[in-house]
Amino acid sequence: MSEIFSKIQQTIDQNPVVLYMKGTKDFPQCGFSAMVVQILKNHQVDFVDVNVLADPEIRQAIKDFSDWPTIPQLYIAGEFIGGCDIVKEMAQSGELKELLQAKKIC
């Protein structure tokens, strides 16, 4: 499992915004993933998408890595932000925009 954790950590370290999701940003395959993609697009955020449906090992490992049971999972500047509900709340309150600006992402 440590090899897959290293792969996850490397992806997070090398990209300012990473979304572990079901499907891709161009073709989300669940409503929660689609909602986070739309929020990021509304904020004009360029992000890397990791399709957990394409790799069952990643699908389980990301849950263990973050100690978070659901997908999607959003990482900004190396920090785990949360899933759909948290991202949605942050977007509505303006907290997401503040975070993205503070991290010089948008």
PDB file of N, CA and C in Angstrom:
ATOM      1  N   MET A   1       0.821  -1.202   0.000  1.00  0.00           N
ATOM      2  CA  MET A   1       0.000   0.000   0.000  1.00  0.00           C
ATOM      3  C   MET A   1       0.860   1.260   0.000  1.00  0.00           C
ATOM      4  N   SER A   2       2.061   1.195   0.540  1.00  0.00           N
ATOM      5  CA  SER A   2       2.895   2.398   0.621  1.00  0.00           C
ATOM      6  C   SER A   2       3.292   2.918  -0.761  1.00  0.00           C
ATOM      7  N   GLU A   3       3.427   2.019  -1.731  1.00  0.00           N
ATOM      8  CA  GLU A   3       3.766   2.453  -3.093  1.00  0.00           C
ATOM      9  C   GLU A   3       2.631   3.287  -3.691  1.00  0.00           C
ATOM     10  N   ILE A   4       1.409   2.855  -3.467  1.00  0.00           N
ATOM     11  CA  ILE A   4       0.263   3.598  -3.993  1.00  0.00           C
ATOM     12  C   ILE A   4       0.105   4.924  -3.239  1.00  0.00           C
ATOM     13  N   PHE A   5       0.392   4.925  -1.936  1.00  0.00           N
ATOM     14  CA  PHE A   5       0.360   6.179  -1.170  1.00  0.00           C
ATOM     15  C   PHE A   5       1.394   7.156  -1.710  1.00  0.00           C
ATOM     16  N   SER A   6       2.568   6.645  -2.082  1.00  0.00           N
ATOM     17  CA  SER A   6       3.610   7.504  -2.663  1.00  0.00           C
ATOM     18  C   SER A   6       3.137   8.110  -3.977  1.00  0.00           C
ATOM     19  N   LYS A   7       2.437   7.317  -4.778  1.00  0.00           N
ATOM     20  CA  LYS A   7       1.896   7.805  -6.050  1.00  0.00           C
ATOM     21  C   LYS A   7       0.863   8.907  -5.806  1.00  0.00           C
ATOM     22  N   ILE A   8      -0.011   8.697  -4.829  1.00  0.00           N
ATOM     23  CA  ILE A   8      -1.017   9.703  -4.484  1.00  0.00           C
ATOM     24  C   ILE A   8      -0.343  10.981  -4.001  1.00  0.00           C
ATOM     25  N   GLN A   9       0.623  10.836  -3.096  1.00  0.00           N
ATOM     26  CA  GLN A   9       1.316  12.002  -2.550  1.00  0.00           C
ATOM     27  C   GLN A   9       2.040  12.767  -3.648  1.00  0.00           C
ATOM     28  N   GLN A  10       2.640  12.061  -4.573  1.00  0.00           N
ATOM     29  CA  GLN A  10       3.358  12.696  -5.680  1.00  0.00           C
ATOM     30  C   GLN A  10       2.393  13.496  -6.554  1.00  0.00           C
ATOM     31  N   THR A  11       1.234  12.927  -6.846  1.00  0.00           N
ATOM     32  CA  THR A  11       0.227  13.640  -7.652  1.00  0.00           C
ATOM     33  C   THR A  11      -0.217  14.909  -6.939  1.00  0.00           C
ATOM     34  N   ILE A  12      -0.464  14.814  -5.651  1.00  0.00           N
ATOM     35  CA  ILE A  12      -0.896  15.971  -4.864  1.00  0.00           C
ATOM     36  C   ILE A  12       0.201  17.021  -4.785  1.00  0.00           C
ATOM     37  N   ASP A  13       1.441  16.585  -4.608  1.00  0.00           N
ATOM     38  CA  ASP A  13       2.579  17.514  -4.495  1.00  0.00           C
ATOM     39  C   ASP A  13       2.874  18.238  -5.806  1.00  0.00           C
ATOM     40  N   GLN A  14       2.645  17.574  -6.931  1.00  0.00           N
ATOM     41  CA  GLN A  14       3.036  18.126  -8.228  1.00  0.00           C
ATOM     42  C   GLN A  14       1.955  18.968  -8.904  1.00  0.00           C
ATOM     43  N   ASN A  15       0.772  19.027  -8.305  1.00  0.00           N
ATOM     44  CA  ASN A  15      -0.343  19.746  -8.921  1.00  0.00           C
ATOM     45  C   ASN A  15      -1.047  20.621  -7.889  1.00  0.00           C
ATOM     46  N   PRO A  16      -1.263  21.889  -8.201  1.00  0.00           N
ATOM     47  CA  PRO A  16      -1.891  22.792  -7.227  1.00  0.00           C
ATOM     48  C   PRO A  16      -3.301  22.360  -6.808  1.00  0.00           C
ATOM     49  N   VAL A  17      -4.069  21.791  -7.752  1.00  0.00           N
ATOM     50  CA  VAL A  17      -5.425  21.351  -7.440  1.00  0.00           C
ATOM     51  C   VAL A  17      -5.636  19.964  -8.045  1.00  0.00           C
ATOM     52  N   VAL A  18      -6.038  19.028  -7.197  1.00  0.00           N
ATOM     53  CA  VAL A  18      -6.278  17.652  -7.639  1.00  0.00           C
ATOM     54  C   VAL A  18      -7.654  17.218  -7.136  1.00  0.00           C
ATOM     55  N   LEU A  19      -8.430  16.650  -8.044  1.00  0.00           N
ATOM     56  CA  LEU A  19      -9.732  16.109  -7.674  1.00  0.00           C
ATOM     57  C   LEU A  19      -9.752  14.618  -7.963  1.00  0.00           C
ATOM     58  N   TYR A  20      -9.851  13.823  -6.900  1.00  0.00           N
ATOM     59  CA  TYR A  20     -10.069  12.382  -7.052  1.00  0.00           C
ATOM     60  C   TYR A  20     -11.575  12.217  -7.187  1.00  0.00           C
ATOM     61  N   MET A  21     -11.990  11.652  -8.313  1.00  0.00           N
ATOM     62  CA  MET A  21     -13.414  11.650  -8.644  1.00  0.00           C
ATOM     63  C   MET A  21     -13.818  10.397  -9.402  1.00  0.00           C
ATOM     64  N   LYS A  22     -15.124  10.230  -9.538  1.00  0.00           N
ATOM     65  CA  LYS A  22     -15.659   9.158 -10.373  1.00  0.00           C
ATOM     66  C   LYS A  22     -15.879   9.749 -11.758  1.00  0.00           C
ATOM     67  N   GLY A  23     -15.112   9.251 -12.711  1.00  0.00           N
ATOM     68  CA  GLY A  23     -15.150   9.784 -14.063  1.00  0.00           C
ATOM     69  C   GLY A  23     -14.033  10.805 -14.258  1.00  0.00           C
ATOM     70  N   THR A  24     -14.224  11.669 -15.242  1.00  0.00           N
ATOM     71  CA  THR A  24     -13.227  12.699 -15.544  1.00  0.00           C
ATOM     72  C   THR A  24     -13.907  14.066 -15.517  1.00  0.00           C
ATOM     73  N   LYS A  25     -13.097  15.125 -15.547  1.00  0.00           N
ATOM     74  CA  LYS A  25     -13.705  16.461 -15.527  1.00  0.00           C
ATOM     75  C   LYS A  25     -14.551  16.710 -16.773  1.00  0.00           C
ATOM     76  N   ASP A  26     -14.233  16.038 -17.861  1.00  0.00           N
ATOM     77  CA  ASP A  26     -15.038  16.175 -19.076  1.00  0.00           C
ATOM     78  C   ASP A  26     -16.243  15.243 -19.103  1.00  0.00           C
ATOM     79  N   PHE A  27     -16.203  14.190 -18.309  1.00  0.00           N
ATOM     80  CA  PHE A  27     -17.298  13.225 -18.261  1.00  0.00           C
ATOM     81  C   PHE A  27     -17.436  12.652 -16.854  1.00  0.00           C
ATOM     82  N   PRO A  28     -17.930  13.464 -15.901  1.00  0.00           N
ATOM     83  CA  PRO A  28     -18.135  12.956 -14.538  1.00  0.00           C
ATOM     84  C   PRO A  28     -19.148  11.816 -14.547  1.00  0.00           C
ATOM     85  N   GLN A  29     -18.924  10.825 -13.687  1.00  0.00           N
ATOM     86  CA  GLN A  29     -19.808   9.672 -13.667  1.00  0.00           C
ATOM     87  C   GLN A  29     -20.570   9.527 -12.353  1.00  0.00           C
ATOM     88  N   CYS A  30     -20.669  10.611 -11.609  1.00  0.00           N
ATOM     89  CA  CYS A  30     -21.562  10.637 -10.455  1.00  0.00           C
ATOM     90  C   CYS A  30     -21.926  12.089 -10.186  1.00  0.00           C
ATOM     91  N   GLY A  31     -23.067  12.292  -9.607  1.00  0.00           N
ATOM     92  CA  GLY A  31     -23.563  13.644  -9.375  1.00  0.00           C
ATOM     93  C   GLY A  31     -22.679  14.467  -8.457  1.00  0.00           C
ATOM     94  N   PHE A  32     -22.110  13.834  -7.430  1.00  0.00           N
ATOM     95  CA  PHE A  32     -21.255  14.556  -6.493  1.00  0.00           C
ATOM     96  C   PHE A  32     -19.967  15.022  -7.175  1.00  0.00           C
ATOM     97  N   SER A  33     -19.386  14.140  -7.964  1.00  0.00           N
ATOM     98  CA  SER A  33     -18.188  14.514  -8.724  1.00  0.00           C
ATOM     99  C   SER A  33     -18.514  15.633  -9.705  1.00  0.00           C
ATOM    100  N   ALA A  34     -19.656  15.517 -10.383  1.00  0.00           N
ATOM    101  CA  ALA A  34     -20.061  16.543 -11.348  1.00  0.00           C
ATOM    102  C   ALA A  34     -20.235  17.902 -10.670  1.00  0.00           C
ATOM    103  N   MET A  35     -20.780  17.901  -9.458  1.00  0.00           N
ATOM    104  CA  MET A  35     -20.991  19.159  -8.750  1.00  0.00           C
ATOM    105  C   MET A  35     -19.663  19.834  -8.413  1.00  0.00           C
ATOM    106  N   VAL A  36     -18.682  19.064  -7.931  1.00  0.00           N
ATOM    107  CA  VAL A  36     -17.379  19.647  -7.592  1.00  0.00           C
ATOM    108  C   VAL A  36     -16.683  20.145  -8.853  1.00  0.00           C
ATOM    109  N   VAL A  37     -16.769  19.395  -9.935  1.00  0.00           N
ATOM    110  CA  VAL A  37     -16.191  19.828 -11.213  1.00  0.00           C
ATOM    111  C   VAL A  37     -16.808  21.170 -11.614  1.00  0.00           C
ATOM    112  N   GLN A  38     -18.123  21.290 -11.520  1.00  0.00           N
ATOM    113  CA  GLN A  38     -18.796  22.522 -11.910  1.00  0.00           C
ATOM    114  C   GLN A  38     -18.370  23.692 -11.023  1.00  0.00           C
ATOM    115  N   ILE A  39     -18.229  23.449  -9.732  1.00  0.00           N
ATOM    116  CA  ILE A  39     -17.780  24.503  -8.807  1.00  0.00           C
ATOM    117  C   ILE A  39     -16.386  24.971  -9.191  1.00  0.00           C
ATOM    118  N   LEU A  40     -15.488  24.035  -9.464  1.00  0.00           N
ATOM    119  CA  LEU A  40     -14.118  24.403  -9.846  1.00  0.00           C
ATOM    120  C   LEU A  40     -14.114  25.160 -11.169  1.00  0.00           C
ATOM    121  N   LYS A  41     -14.914  24.706 -12.119  1.00  0.00           N
ATOM    122  CA  LYS A  41     -14.993  25.402 -13.406  1.00  0.00           C
ATOM    123  C   LYS A  41     -15.574  26.803 -13.233  1.00  0.00           C
ATOM    124  N   ASN A  42     -16.565  26.948 -12.356  1.00  0.00           N
ATOM    125  CA  ASN A  42     -17.155  28.267 -12.091  1.00  0.00           C
ATOM    126  C   ASN A  42     -16.120  29.229 -11.502  1.00  0.00           C
ATOM    127  N   HIS A  43     -15.158  28.675 -10.768  1.00  0.00           N
ATOM    128  CA  HIS A  43     -14.084  29.481 -10.187  1.00  0.00           C
ATOM    129  C   HIS A  43     -12.884  29.591 -11.131  1.00  0.00           C
ATOM    130  N   GLN A  44     -13.041  29.049 -12.347  1.00  0.00           N
ATOM    131  CA  GLN A  44     -12.001  29.071 -13.376  1.00  0.00           C
ATOM    132  C   GLN A  44     -10.678  28.473 -12.876  1.00  0.00           C
ATOM    133  N   VAL A  45     -10.812  27.331 -12.201  1.00  0.00           N
ATOM    134  CA  VAL A  45      -9.658  26.636 -11.643  1.00  0.00           C
ATOM    135  C   VAL A  45      -9.228  25.531 -12.596  1.00  0.00           C
ATOM    136  N   ASP A  46      -7.948  25.536 -12.934  1.00  0.00           N
ATOM    137  CA  ASP A  46      -7.372  24.441 -13.709  1.00  0.00           C
ATOM    138  C   ASP A  46      -6.999  23.357 -12.700  1.00  0.00           C
ATOM    139  N   PHE A  47      -7.448  22.141 -12.937  1.00  0.00           N
ATOM    140  CA  PHE A  47      -7.177  21.077 -11.967  1.00  0.00           C
ATOM    141  C   PHE A  47      -6.912  19.759 -12.663  1.00  0.00           C
ATOM    142  N   VAL A  48      -6.233  18.886 -11.937  1.00  0.00           N
ATOM    143  CA  VAL A  48      -5.958  17.534 -12.411  1.00  0.00           C
ATOM    144  C   VAL A  48      -7.057  16.636 -11.869  1.00  0.00           C
ATOM    145  N   ASP A  49      -7.640  15.838 -12.739  1.00  0.00           N
ATOM    146  CA  ASP A  49      -8.649  14.877 -12.318  1.00  0.00           C
ATOM    147  C   ASP A  49      -8.052  13.478 -12.311  1.00  0.00           C
ATOM    148  N   VAL A  50      -8.378  12.725 -11.273  1.00  0.00           N
ATOM    149  CA  VAL A  50      -7.954  11.331 -11.178  1.00  0.00           C
ATOM    150  C   VAL A  50      -9.215  10.489 -11.098  1.00  0.00           C
ATOM    151  N   ASN A  51      -9.429   9.684 -12.127  1.00  0.00           N
ATOM    152  CA  ASN A  51     -10.628   8.851 -12.227  1.00  0.00           C
ATOM    153  C   ASN A  51     -10.436   7.578 -11.413  1.00  0.00           C
ATOM    154  N   VAL A  52     -11.085   7.519 -10.253  1.00  0.00           N
ATOM    155  CA  VAL A  52     -10.923   6.346  -9.391  1.00  0.00           C
ATOM    156  C   VAL A  52     -11.620   5.110  -9.959  1.00  0.00           C
ATOM    157  N   LEU A  53     -12.550   5.301 -10.893  1.00  0.00           N
ATOM    158  CA  LEU A  53     -13.215   4.154 -11.508  1.00  0.00           C
ATOM    159  C   LEU A  53     -12.275   3.388 -12.435  1.00  0.00           C
ATOM    160  N   ALA A  54     -11.242   4.064 -12.915  1.00  0.00           N
ATOM    161  CA  ALA A  54     -10.289   3.437 -13.834  1.00  0.00           C
ATOM    162  C   ALA A  54      -9.260   2.581 -13.091  1.00  0.00           C
ATOM    163  N   ASP A  55      -9.163   2.752 -11.765  1.00  0.00           N
ATOM    164  CA  ASP A  55      -8.149   2.035 -10.996  1.00  0.00           C
ATOM    165  C   ASP A  55      -8.696   1.703  -9.606  1.00  0.00           C
ATOM    166  N   PRO A  56      -9.194   0.477  -9.412  1.00  0.00           N
ATOM    167  CA  PRO A  56      -9.765   0.090  -8.116  1.00  0.00           C
ATOM    168  C   PRO A  56      -8.788   0.253  -6.946  1.00  0.00           C
ATOM    169  N   GLU A  57      -7.506   0.086  -7.210  1.00  0.00           N
ATOM    170  CA  GLU A  57      -6.511   0.235  -6.145  1.00  0.00           C
ATOM    171  C   GLU A  57      -6.478   1.686  -5.655  1.00  0.00           C
ATOM    172  N   ILE A  58      -6.495   2.629  -6.588  1.00  0.00           N
ATOM    173  CA  ILE A  58      -6.522   4.056  -6.225  1.00  0.00           C
ATOM    174  C   ILE A  58      -7.835   4.380  -5.509  1.00  0.00           C
ATOM    175  N   ARG A  59      -8.919   3.811  -5.995  1.00  0.00           N
ATOM    176  CA  ARG A  59     -10.241   4.092  -5.410  1.00  0.00           C
ATOM    177  C   ARG A  59     -10.255   3.803  -3.912  1.00  0.00           C
ATOM    178  N   GLN A  60      -9.683   2.688  -3.503  1.00  0.00           N
ATOM    179  CA  GLN A  60      -9.629   2.365  -2.076  1.00  0.00           C
ATOM    180  C   GLN A  60      -8.508   3.122  -1.375  1.00  0.00           C
ATOM    181  N   ALA A  61      -7.369   3.228  -2.025  1.00  0.00           N
ATOM    182  CA  ALA A  61      -6.208   3.846  -1.383  1.00  0.00           C
ATOM    183  C   ALA A  61      -6.437   5.314  -1.041  1.00  0.00           C
ATOM    184  N   ILE A  62      -7.155   6.059  -1.893  1.00  0.00           N
ATOM    185  CA  ILE A  62      -7.372   7.474  -1.604  1.00  0.00           C
ATOM    186  C   ILE A  62      -8.234   7.632  -0.355  1.00  0.00           C
ATOM    187  N   LYS A  63      -9.150   6.714  -0.139  1.00  0.00           N
ATOM    188  CA  LYS A  63      -9.976   6.755   1.075  1.00  0.00           C
ATOM    189  C   LYS A  63      -9.121   6.502   2.309  1.00  0.00           C
ATOM    190  N   ASP A  64      -8.205   5.552   2.203  1.00  0.00           N
ATOM    191  CA  ASP A  64      -7.303   5.251   3.314  1.00  0.00           C
ATOM    192  C   ASP A  64      -6.312   6.394   3.532  1.00  0.00           C
ATOM    193  N   PHE A  65      -5.810   6.940   2.427  1.00  0.00           N
ATOM    194  CA  PHE A  65      -4.816   8.021   2.470  1.00  0.00           C
ATOM    195  C   PHE A  65      -5.356   9.232   3.233  1.00  0.00           C
ATOM    196  N   SER A  66      -6.580   9.625   2.910  1.00  0.00           N
ATOM    197  CA  SER A  66      -7.167  10.829   3.503  1.00  0.00           C
ATOM    198  C   SER A  66      -7.956  10.532   4.771  1.00  0.00           C
ATOM    199  N   ASP A  67      -8.223   9.256   5.019  1.00  0.00           N
ATOM    200  CA  ASP A  67      -9.102   8.842   6.108  1.00  0.00           C
ATOM    201  C   ASP A  67     -10.481   9.480   5.940  1.00  0.00           C
ATOM    202  N   TRP A  68     -10.924   9.519   4.677  1.00  0.00           N
ATOM    203  CA  TRP A  68     -12.220  10.088   4.296  1.00  0.00           C
ATOM    204  C   TRP A  68     -12.952   9.023   3.487  1.00  0.00           C
ATOM    205  N   PRO A  69     -14.187   8.676   3.842  1.00  0.00           N
ATOM    206  CA  PRO A  69     -14.827   7.496   3.245  1.00  0.00           C
ATOM    207  C   PRO A  69     -15.446   7.672   1.866  1.00  0.00           C
ATOM    208  N   THR A  70     -15.565   8.907   1.393  1.00  0.00           N
ATOM    209  CA  THR A  70     -16.297   9.102   0.146  1.00  0.00           C
ATOM    210  C   THR A  70     -15.448   9.775  -0.923  1.00  0.00           C
ATOM    211  N   ILE A  71     -15.966   9.675  -2.143  1.00  0.00           N
ATOM    212  CA  ILE A  71     -15.364  10.310  -3.318  1.00  0.00           C
ATOM    213  C   ILE A  71     -16.466  11.165  -3.917  1.00  0.00           C
ATOM    214  N   PRO A  72     -16.183  12.358  -4.363  1.00  0.00           N
ATOM    215  CA  PRO A  72     -14.887  12.952  -4.694  1.00  0.00           C
ATOM    216  C   PRO A  72     -14.134  13.473  -3.474  1.00  0.00           C
ATOM    217  N   GLN A  73     -12.838  13.701  -3.705  1.00  0.00           N
ATOM    218  CA  GLN A  73     -11.956  14.287  -2.701  1.00  0.00           C
ATOM    219  C   GLN A  73     -11.122  15.361  -3.383  1.00  0.00           C
ATOM    220  N   LEU A  74     -11.139  16.547  -2.799  1.00  0.00           N
ATOM    221  CA  LEU A  74     -10.433  17.689  -3.379  1.00  0.00           C
ATOM    222  C   LEU A  74      -9.208  18.042  -2.549  1.00  0.00           C
ATOM    223  N   TYR A  75      -8.088  18.261  -3.252  1.00  0.00           N
ATOM    224  CA  TYR A  75      -6.840  18.711  -2.636  1.00  0.00           C
ATOM    225  C   TYR A  75      -6.443  20.033  -3.279  1.00  0.00           C
ATOM    226  N   ILE A  76      -6.130  21.016  -2.448  1.00  0.00           N
ATOM    227  CA  ILE A  76      -5.667  22.314  -2.934  1.00  0.00           C
ATOM    228  C   ILE A  76      -4.351  22.632  -2.254  1.00  0.00           C
ATOM    229  N   ALA A  77      -3.333  22.894  -3.052  1.00  0.00           N
ATOM    230  CA  ALA A  77      -1.986  23.222  -2.551  1.00  0.00           C
ATOM    231  C   ALA A  77      -1.516  22.192  -1.528  1.00  0.00           C
ATOM    232  N   GLY A  78      -1.744  20.932  -1.845  1.00  0.00           N
ATOM    233  CA  GLY A  78      -1.273  19.844  -1.000  1.00  0.00           C
ATOM    234  C   GLY A  78      -2.150  19.540   0.194  1.00  0.00           C
ATOM    235  N   GLU A  79      -3.204  20.291   0.397  1.00  0.00           N
ATOM    236  CA  GLU A  79      -4.062  20.134   1.566  1.00  0.00           C
ATOM    237  C   GLU A  79      -5.385  19.473   1.181  1.00  0.00           C
ATOM    238  N   PHE A  80      -5.787  18.477   1.966  1.00  0.00           N
ATOM    239  CA  PHE A  80      -7.083  17.836   1.745  1.00  0.00           C
ATOM    240  C   PHE A  80      -8.173  18.799   2.184  1.00  0.00           C
ATOM    241  N   ILE A  81      -9.077  19.118   1.271  1.00  0.00           N
ATOM    242  CA  ILE A  81     -10.160  20.059   1.551  1.00  0.00           C
ATOM    243  C   ILE A  81     -11.420  19.324   1.998  1.00  0.00           C
ATOM    244  N   GLY A  82     -11.789  18.287   1.268  1.00  0.00           N
ATOM    245  CA  GLY A  82     -12.977  17.525   1.632  1.00  0.00           C
ATOM    246  C   GLY A  82     -13.699  17.017   0.410  1.00  0.00           C
ATOM    247  N   GLY A  83     -14.937  16.629   0.643  1.00  0.00           N
ATOM    248  CA  GLY A  83     -15.766  16.090  -0.424  1.00  0.00           C
ATOM    249  C   GLY A  83     -16.766  17.111  -0.930  1.00  0.00           C
ATOM    250  N   CYS A  84     -17.781  16.621  -1.584  1.00  0.00           N
ATOM    251  CA  CYS A  84     -18.752  17.469  -2.270  1.00  0.00           C
ATOM    252  C   CYS A  84     -19.435  18.462  -1.330  1.00  0.00           C
ATOM    253  N   ASP A  85     -19.947  17.998  -0.210  1.00  0.00           N
ATOM    254  CA  ASP A  85     -20.685  18.883   0.691  1.00  0.00           C
ATOM    255  C   ASP A  85     -19.813  20.020   1.214  1.00  0.00           C
ATOM    256  N   ILE A  86     -18.587  19.697   1.590  1.00  0.00           N
ATOM    257  CA  ILE A  86     -17.673  20.718   2.109  1.00  0.00           C
ATOM    258  C   ILE A  86     -17.320  21.723   1.024  1.00  0.00           C
ATOM    259  N   VAL A  87     -16.996  21.238  -0.162  1.00  0.00           N
ATOM    260  CA  VAL A  87     -16.638  22.134  -1.272  1.00  0.00           C
ATOM    261  C   VAL A  87     -17.832  23.026  -1.613  1.00  0.00           C
ATOM    262  N   LYS A  88     -19.026  22.451  -1.631  1.00  0.00           N
ATOM    263  CA  LYS A  88     -20.232  23.221  -1.939  1.00  0.00           C
ATOM    264  C   LYS A  88     -20.446  24.325  -0.896  1.00  0.00           C
ATOM    265  N   GLU A  89     -20.313  23.986   0.383  1.00  0.00           N
ATOM    266  CA  GLU A  89     -20.474  24.974   1.456  1.00  0.00           C
ATOM    267  C   GLU A  89     -19.415  26.071   1.351  1.00  0.00           C
ATOM    268  N   MET A  90     -18.182  25.669   1.063  1.00  0.00           N
ATOM    269  CA  MET A  90     -17.099  26.652   0.931  1.00  0.00           C
ATOM    270  C   MET A  90     -17.353  27.589  -0.245  1.00  0.00           C
ATOM    271  N   ALA A  91     -17.883  27.047  -1.329  1.00  0.00           N
ATOM    272  CA  ALA A  91     -18.176  27.878  -2.501  1.00  0.00           C
ATOM    273  C   ALA A  91     -19.286  28.874  -2.176  1.00  0.00           C
ATOM    274  N   GLN A  92     -20.316  28.414  -1.486  1.00  0.00           N
ATOM    275  CA  GLN A  92     -21.450  29.280  -1.157  1.00  0.00           C
ATOM    276  C   GLN A  92     -21.062  30.389  -0.186  1.00  0.00           C
ATOM    277  N   SER A  93     -20.161  30.095   0.738  1.00  0.00           N
ATOM    278  CA  SER A  93     -19.765  31.086   1.753  1.00  0.00           C
ATOM    279  C   SER A  93     -18.680  32.042   1.258  1.00  0.00           C
ATOM    280  N   GLY A  94     -18.049  31.700   0.121  1.00  0.00           N
ATOM    281  CA  GLY A  94     -16.943  32.506  -0.383  1.00  0.00           C
ATOM    282  C   GLY A  94     -15.587  32.048   0.123  1.00  0.00           C
ATOM    283  N   GLU A  95     -15.603  31.069   1.017  1.00  0.00           N
ATOM    284  CA  GLU A  95     -14.361  30.554   1.601  1.00  0.00           C
ATOM    285  C   GLU A  95     -13.468  29.887   0.554  1.00  0.00           C
ATOM    286  N   LEU A  96     -14.078  29.204  -0.416  1.00  0.00           N
ATOM    287  CA  LEU A  96     -13.297  28.540  -1.458  1.00  0.00           C
ATOM    288  C   LEU A  96     -12.546  29.574  -2.286  1.00  0.00           C
ATOM    289  N   LYS A  97     -13.221  30.631  -2.687  1.00  0.00           N
ATOM    290  CA  LYS A  97     -12.579  31.682  -3.474  1.00  0.00           C
ATOM    291  C   LYS A  97     -11.420  32.305  -2.696  1.00  0.00           C
ATOM    292  N   GLU A  98     -11.636  32.553  -1.411  1.00  0.00           N
ATOM    293  CA  GLU A  98     -10.575  33.113  -0.558  1.00  0.00           C
ATOM    294  C   GLU A  98      -9.369  32.187  -0.500  1.00  0.00           C
ATOM    295  N   LEU A  99      -9.623  30.892  -0.326  1.00  0.00           N
ATOM    296  CA  LEU A  99      -8.539  29.922  -0.270  1.00  0.00           C
ATOM    297  C   LEU A  99      -7.770  29.864  -1.576  1.00  0.00           C
ATOM    298  N   LEU A 100      -8.499  29.830  -2.689  1.00  0.00           N
ATOM    299  CA  LEU A 100      -7.852  29.781  -3.999  1.00  0.00           C
ATOM    300  C   LEU A 100      -7.024  31.033  -4.240  1.00  0.00           C
ATOM    301  N   GLN A 101      -7.511  32.184  -3.826  1.00  0.00           N
ATOM    302  CA  GLN A 101      -6.759  33.421  -3.988  1.00  0.00           C
ATOM    303  C   GLN A 101      -5.534  33.441  -3.076  1.00  0.00           C
ATOM    304  N   ALA A 102      -5.701  32.986  -1.838  1.00  0.00           N
ATOM    305  CA  ALA A 102      -4.589  32.943  -0.890  1.00  0.00           C
ATOM    306  C   ALA A 102      -3.453  32.040  -1.368  1.00  0.00           C
ATOM    307  N   LYS A 103      -3.830  30.963  -2.054  1.00  0.00           N
ATOM    308  CA  LYS A 103      -2.843  30.006  -2.570  1.00  0.00           C
ATOM    309  C   LYS A 103      -2.378  30.402  -3.974  1.00  0.00           C
ATOM    310  N   LYS A 104      -2.867  31.555  -4.456  1.00  0.00           N
ATOM    311  CA  LYS A 104      -2.508  32.086  -5.780  1.00  0.00           C
ATOM    312  C   LYS A 104      -2.857  31.114  -6.919  1.00  0.00           C
ATOM    313  N   ILE A 105      -4.027  30.490  -6.778  1.00  0.00           N
ATOM    314  CA  ILE A 105      -4.483  29.562  -7.796  1.00  0.00           C
ATOM    315  C   ILE A 105      -5.446  30.233  -8.759  1.00  0.00           C
ATOM    316  N   CYS A 106      -6.185  31.214  -8.289  1.00  0.00           N
ATOM    317  CA  CYS A 106      -7.066  31.963  -9.202  1.00  0.00           C
ATOM    318  C   CYS A 106      -7.159  33.413  -8.754  1.00  0.00           C
TER     319      CYS A 106
END
